[in-house]
């Protein structure tokens, strides 16, 4: 999937005119690509459109019109766009009780270790690869970025509706799975082709 360039970012004055329609489209797209895995963890699969929306909204919120600053945002957010054969997602640990944030994050330490989260396609397994730097030995972030590098066979299985597809988390303190809806699978296949 091609990375975004400055030419893909609509100037602020023009973006204000297209924002309502673009925002509605991205909200619908993200709803399709948002998967709750248990009670605390949600993954949102990213693509070029979702990332462009984040950049557009960031430039709008910060009233950015300096090309150098917009290029910095592009460099940061382009990392979320999946490469060929990949799916990219943002993982959110969603804790709504302020008094329990530290306790629950501490219980989930190691969730980003290899083999804890995977995409299961029938009897094939594709482990999540977490971006480094979102946890330390004693502290876990509530937001993580990760990728799934699918082989051609795994990509075929994602498109085969006779094959079950689900996200699985196996952690000593958190075990959950979630089936991927047919519409979600179709949307993810678009990222791969």
Protein backbone atom coordinates (compact mmCIF):
# COMPACT_ATOMS: atom_id res chain seq x y z
CA UNK A 1 0.00 0.00 0.00
CA UNK A 2 1.43 3.36 -1.01
CA UNK A 3 2.48 5.77 1.71
CA UNK A 4 0.91 9.22 1.86
CA UNK A 5 2.71 12.28 0.57
CA UNK A 6 2.15 15.98 1.07
CA UNK A 7 0.09 16.03 -2.14
CA UNK A 8 -2.44 13.68 -0.49
CA UNK A 9 -3.13 16.10 2.34
CA UNK A 10 -5.85 18.61 1.58
CA UNK A 11 -5.07 22.19 2.64
CA UNK A 12 -6.97 23.21 5.75
CA UNK A 13 -9.38 25.65 4.05
CA UNK A 14 -10.39 23.02 1.47
CA UNK A 15 -10.52 20.24 4.05
CA UNK A 16 -13.15 22.11 6.05
CA UNK A 17 -15.43 21.91 3.00
CA UNK A 18 -15.00 18.16 2.49
CA UNK A 19 -14.62 17.18 6.16
CA UNK A 20 -18.22 16.22 6.98
CA UNK A 21 -18.52 13.72 4.13
CA UNK A 22 -15.00 12.37 4.59
CA UNK A 23 -15.54 12.00 8.34
CA UNK A 24 -18.79 10.05 7.83
CA UNK A 25 -17.06 7.70 5.40
CA UNK A 26 -14.12 7.06 7.76
CA UNK A 27 -16.39 6.50 10.76
CA UNK A 28 -18.28 3.86 8.77
CA UNK A 29 -15.00 2.31 7.58
CA UNK A 30 -13.54 2.19 11.10
CA UNK A 31 -16.74 0.66 12.49
CA UNK A 32 -16.30 -2.15 9.97
CA UNK A 33 -12.64 -2.57 10.92
CA UNK A 34 -13.01 -2.30 14.73
CA UNK A 35 -12.94 -5.65 16.53
CA UNK A 36 -13.48 -6.03 20.27
CA UNK A 37 -11.45 -8.95 21.58
CA UNK A 38 -12.90 -9.52 25.02
CA UNK A 39 -14.01 -6.75 27.35
CA UNK A 40 -10.86 -4.62 27.46
CA UNK A 41 -9.08 -4.85 24.11
CA UNK A 42 -10.10 -3.46 20.75
CA UNK A 43 -8.18 -3.55 17.49
CA UNK A 44 -8.80 -1.09 14.67
CA UNK A 45 -7.28 -2.13 11.36
CA UNK A 46 -5.62 0.83 9.66
CA UNK A 47 -5.23 1.62 5.98
CA UNK A 48 -4.34 4.58 3.80
CA UNK A 49 -7.75 6.23 4.29
CA UNK A 50 -7.83 5.90 8.08
CA UNK A 51 -4.29 7.27 8.33
CA UNK A 52 -5.05 10.16 5.98
CA UNK A 53 -8.04 11.02 8.17
CA UNK A 54 -5.84 11.05 11.28
CA UNK A 55 -3.36 13.39 9.62
CA UNK A 56 -6.10 15.66 8.30
CA UNK A 57 -7.70 15.85 11.75
CA UNK A 58 -4.32 16.52 13.39
CA UNK A 59 -3.56 19.36 10.99
CA UNK A 60 -7.07 20.73 11.60
CA UNK A 61 -6.85 20.50 15.42
CA UNK A 62 -3.41 22.12 15.51
CA UNK A 63 -4.16 24.53 12.63
CA UNK A 64 -1.03 23.30 10.83
CA UNK A 65 -0.20 24.90 7.53
CA UNK A 66 3.60 24.69 7.75
CA UNK A 67 4.70 22.06 5.21
CA UNK A 68 7.63 20.97 7.39
CA UNK A 69 5.30 20.19 10.32
CA UNK A 70 2.85 18.37 8.05
CA UNK A 71 5.76 16.31 6.68
CA UNK A 72 6.60 15.35 10.30
CA UNK A 73 3.02 14.14 10.79
CA UNK A 74 3.26 12.19 7.52
CA UNK A 75 6.50 10.53 8.63
CA UNK A 76 4.93 9.50 11.94
CA UNK A 77 1.55 8.30 10.70
CA UNK A 78 2.80 6.64 7.49
CA UNK A 79 4.24 3.96 9.77
CA UNK A 80 0.64 2.81 10.38
CA UNK A 81 0.03 2.10 6.69
CA UNK A 82 0.56 -1.61 6.03
CA UNK A 83 3.25 -2.76 3.65
CA UNK A 84 2.58 -5.33 0.92
CA UNK A 85 1.21 -8.55 2.37
CA UNK A 86 0.53 -6.95 5.73
CA UNK A 87 -2.38 -5.88 7.86
CA UNK A 88 -1.78 -3.06 10.31
CA UNK A 89 -3.78 -2.31 13.44
CA UNK A 90 -3.95 -0.06 16.45
CA UNK A 91 -4.64 -1.94 19.69
CA UNK A 92 -6.48 -0.08 22.43
CA UNK A 93 -6.68 -1.26 26.02
CA UNK A 94 -9.95 0.38 26.95
CA UNK A 95 -10.22 0.97 30.68
CA UNK A 96 -13.09 3.24 31.62
CA UNK A 97 -12.63 3.22 35.40
CA UNK A 98 -9.93 5.80 36.16
CA UNK A 99 -9.14 4.22 39.53
CA UNK A 100 -8.35 0.85 37.91
CA UNK A 101 -6.08 1.96 35.04
CA UNK A 102 -2.75 1.12 36.67
CA UNK A 103 -4.04 -2.13 38.19
CA UNK A 104 -5.42 -3.44 34.88
CA UNK A 105 -2.45 -2.30 32.80
CA UNK A 106 -0.12 -4.01 35.29
CA UNK A 107 -2.14 -7.25 34.93
CA UNK A 108 -1.72 -7.06 31.14
CA UNK A 109 2.07 -6.62 31.18
CA UNK A 110 3.53 -8.77 28.41
CA UNK A 111 0.46 -8.63 26.16
CA UNK A 112 2.83 -7.34 23.47
CA UNK A 113 5.18 -10.31 23.72
CA UNK A 114 5.46 -12.67 20.73
CA UNK A 115 2.80 -15.38 20.67
CA UNK A 116 0.23 -13.56 22.82
CA UNK A 117 -1.95 -12.21 19.98
CA UNK A 118 -2.55 -13.74 16.60
CA UNK A 119 -4.84 -13.90 13.60
CA UNK A 120 -6.16 -17.43 13.16
CA UNK A 121 -7.23 -18.49 9.67
CA UNK A 122 -8.55 -22.01 9.94
CA UNK A 123 -5.58 -23.99 11.21
CA UNK A 124 -3.06 -21.32 10.10
CA UNK A 125 -1.78 -18.79 12.60
CA UNK A 126 -0.25 -15.36 11.94
CA UNK A 127 1.31 -13.81 15.04
CA UNK A 128 1.07 -10.08 15.68
CA UNK A 129 4.30 -8.12 15.50
CA UNK A 130 4.13 -5.21 17.95
CA UNK A 131 5.93 -1.93 17.35
CA UNK A 132 8.63 -1.50 19.97
CA UNK A 133 8.61 1.30 22.51
CA UNK A 134 5.08 1.08 23.89
CA UNK A 135 5.97 -0.80 27.05
CA UNK A 136 8.81 -1.03 29.51
CA UNK A 137 9.66 -3.62 32.14
CA UNK A 138 7.34 -1.93 34.63
CA UNK A 139 4.90 0.04 32.47
CA UNK A 140 2.48 -0.81 29.66
CA UNK A 141 0.94 1.69 27.27
CA UNK A 142 -2.81 1.57 26.62
CA UNK A 143 -2.18 2.00 22.87
CA UNK A 144 -0.05 -0.26 20.66
CA UNK A 145 0.63 -0.51 16.94
CA UNK A 146 1.05 -3.91 15.38
CA UNK A 147 1.25 -5.77 12.09
CA UNK A 148 0.31 -9.15 10.75
CA UNK A 149 2.56 -10.34 7.91
CA UNK A 150 0.42 -12.77 5.93
CA UNK A 151 1.83 -15.37 3.58
CA UNK A 152 0.07 -15.75 0.21
CA UNK A 153 -1.67 -18.86 1.61
CA UNK A 154 -2.91 -16.94 4.67
CA UNK A 155 -4.18 -14.18 2.40
CA UNK A 156 -6.08 -16.78 0.38
CA UNK A 157 -7.58 -18.19 3.59
CA UNK A 158 -8.71 -14.73 4.68
CA UNK A 159 -10.68 -14.52 1.45
CA UNK A 160 -12.08 -18.05 1.74
CA UNK A 161 -15.41 -17.72 3.56
CA UNK A 162 -15.42 -21.44 4.35
CA UNK A 163 -12.35 -20.85 6.55
CA UNK A 164 -12.94 -19.38 10.02
CA UNK A 165 -11.05 -16.18 10.80
CA UNK A 166 -10.59 -14.80 14.28
CA UNK A 167 -8.32 -12.76 16.49
CA UNK A 168 -7.01 -14.60 19.53
CA UNK A 169 -5.34 -13.31 22.70
CA UNK A 170 -3.68 -15.78 25.08
CA UNK A 171 -2.20 -14.03 28.11
CA UNK A 172 -2.04 -15.44 31.65
CA UNK A 173 -4.51 -12.76 32.81
CA UNK A 174 -6.52 -12.26 29.63
CA UNK A 175 -7.87 -14.85 27.23
CA UNK A 176 -10.30 -13.86 24.51
CA UNK A 177 -11.08 -14.30 20.84
CA UNK A 178 -13.30 -12.63 18.26
CA UNK A 179 -14.57 -13.82 14.90
CA UNK A 180 -14.01 -11.52 11.93
CA UNK A 181 -17.25 -10.71 10.14
CA UNK A 182 -17.45 -11.33 6.41
CA UNK A 183 -17.63 -7.58 5.69
CA UNK A 184 -14.54 -7.00 7.83
CA UNK A 185 -12.64 -9.71 5.97
CA UNK A 186 -13.58 -8.15 2.63
CA UNK A 187 -12.34 -4.77 3.80
CA UNK A 188 -9.05 -6.26 5.01
CA UNK A 189 -8.59 -8.09 1.71
CA UNK A 190 -8.74 -4.72 -0.01
CA UNK A 191 -5.64 -3.74 1.98
CA UNK A 192 -3.80 -6.79 0.71
CA UNK A 193 -4.61 -6.39 -2.98
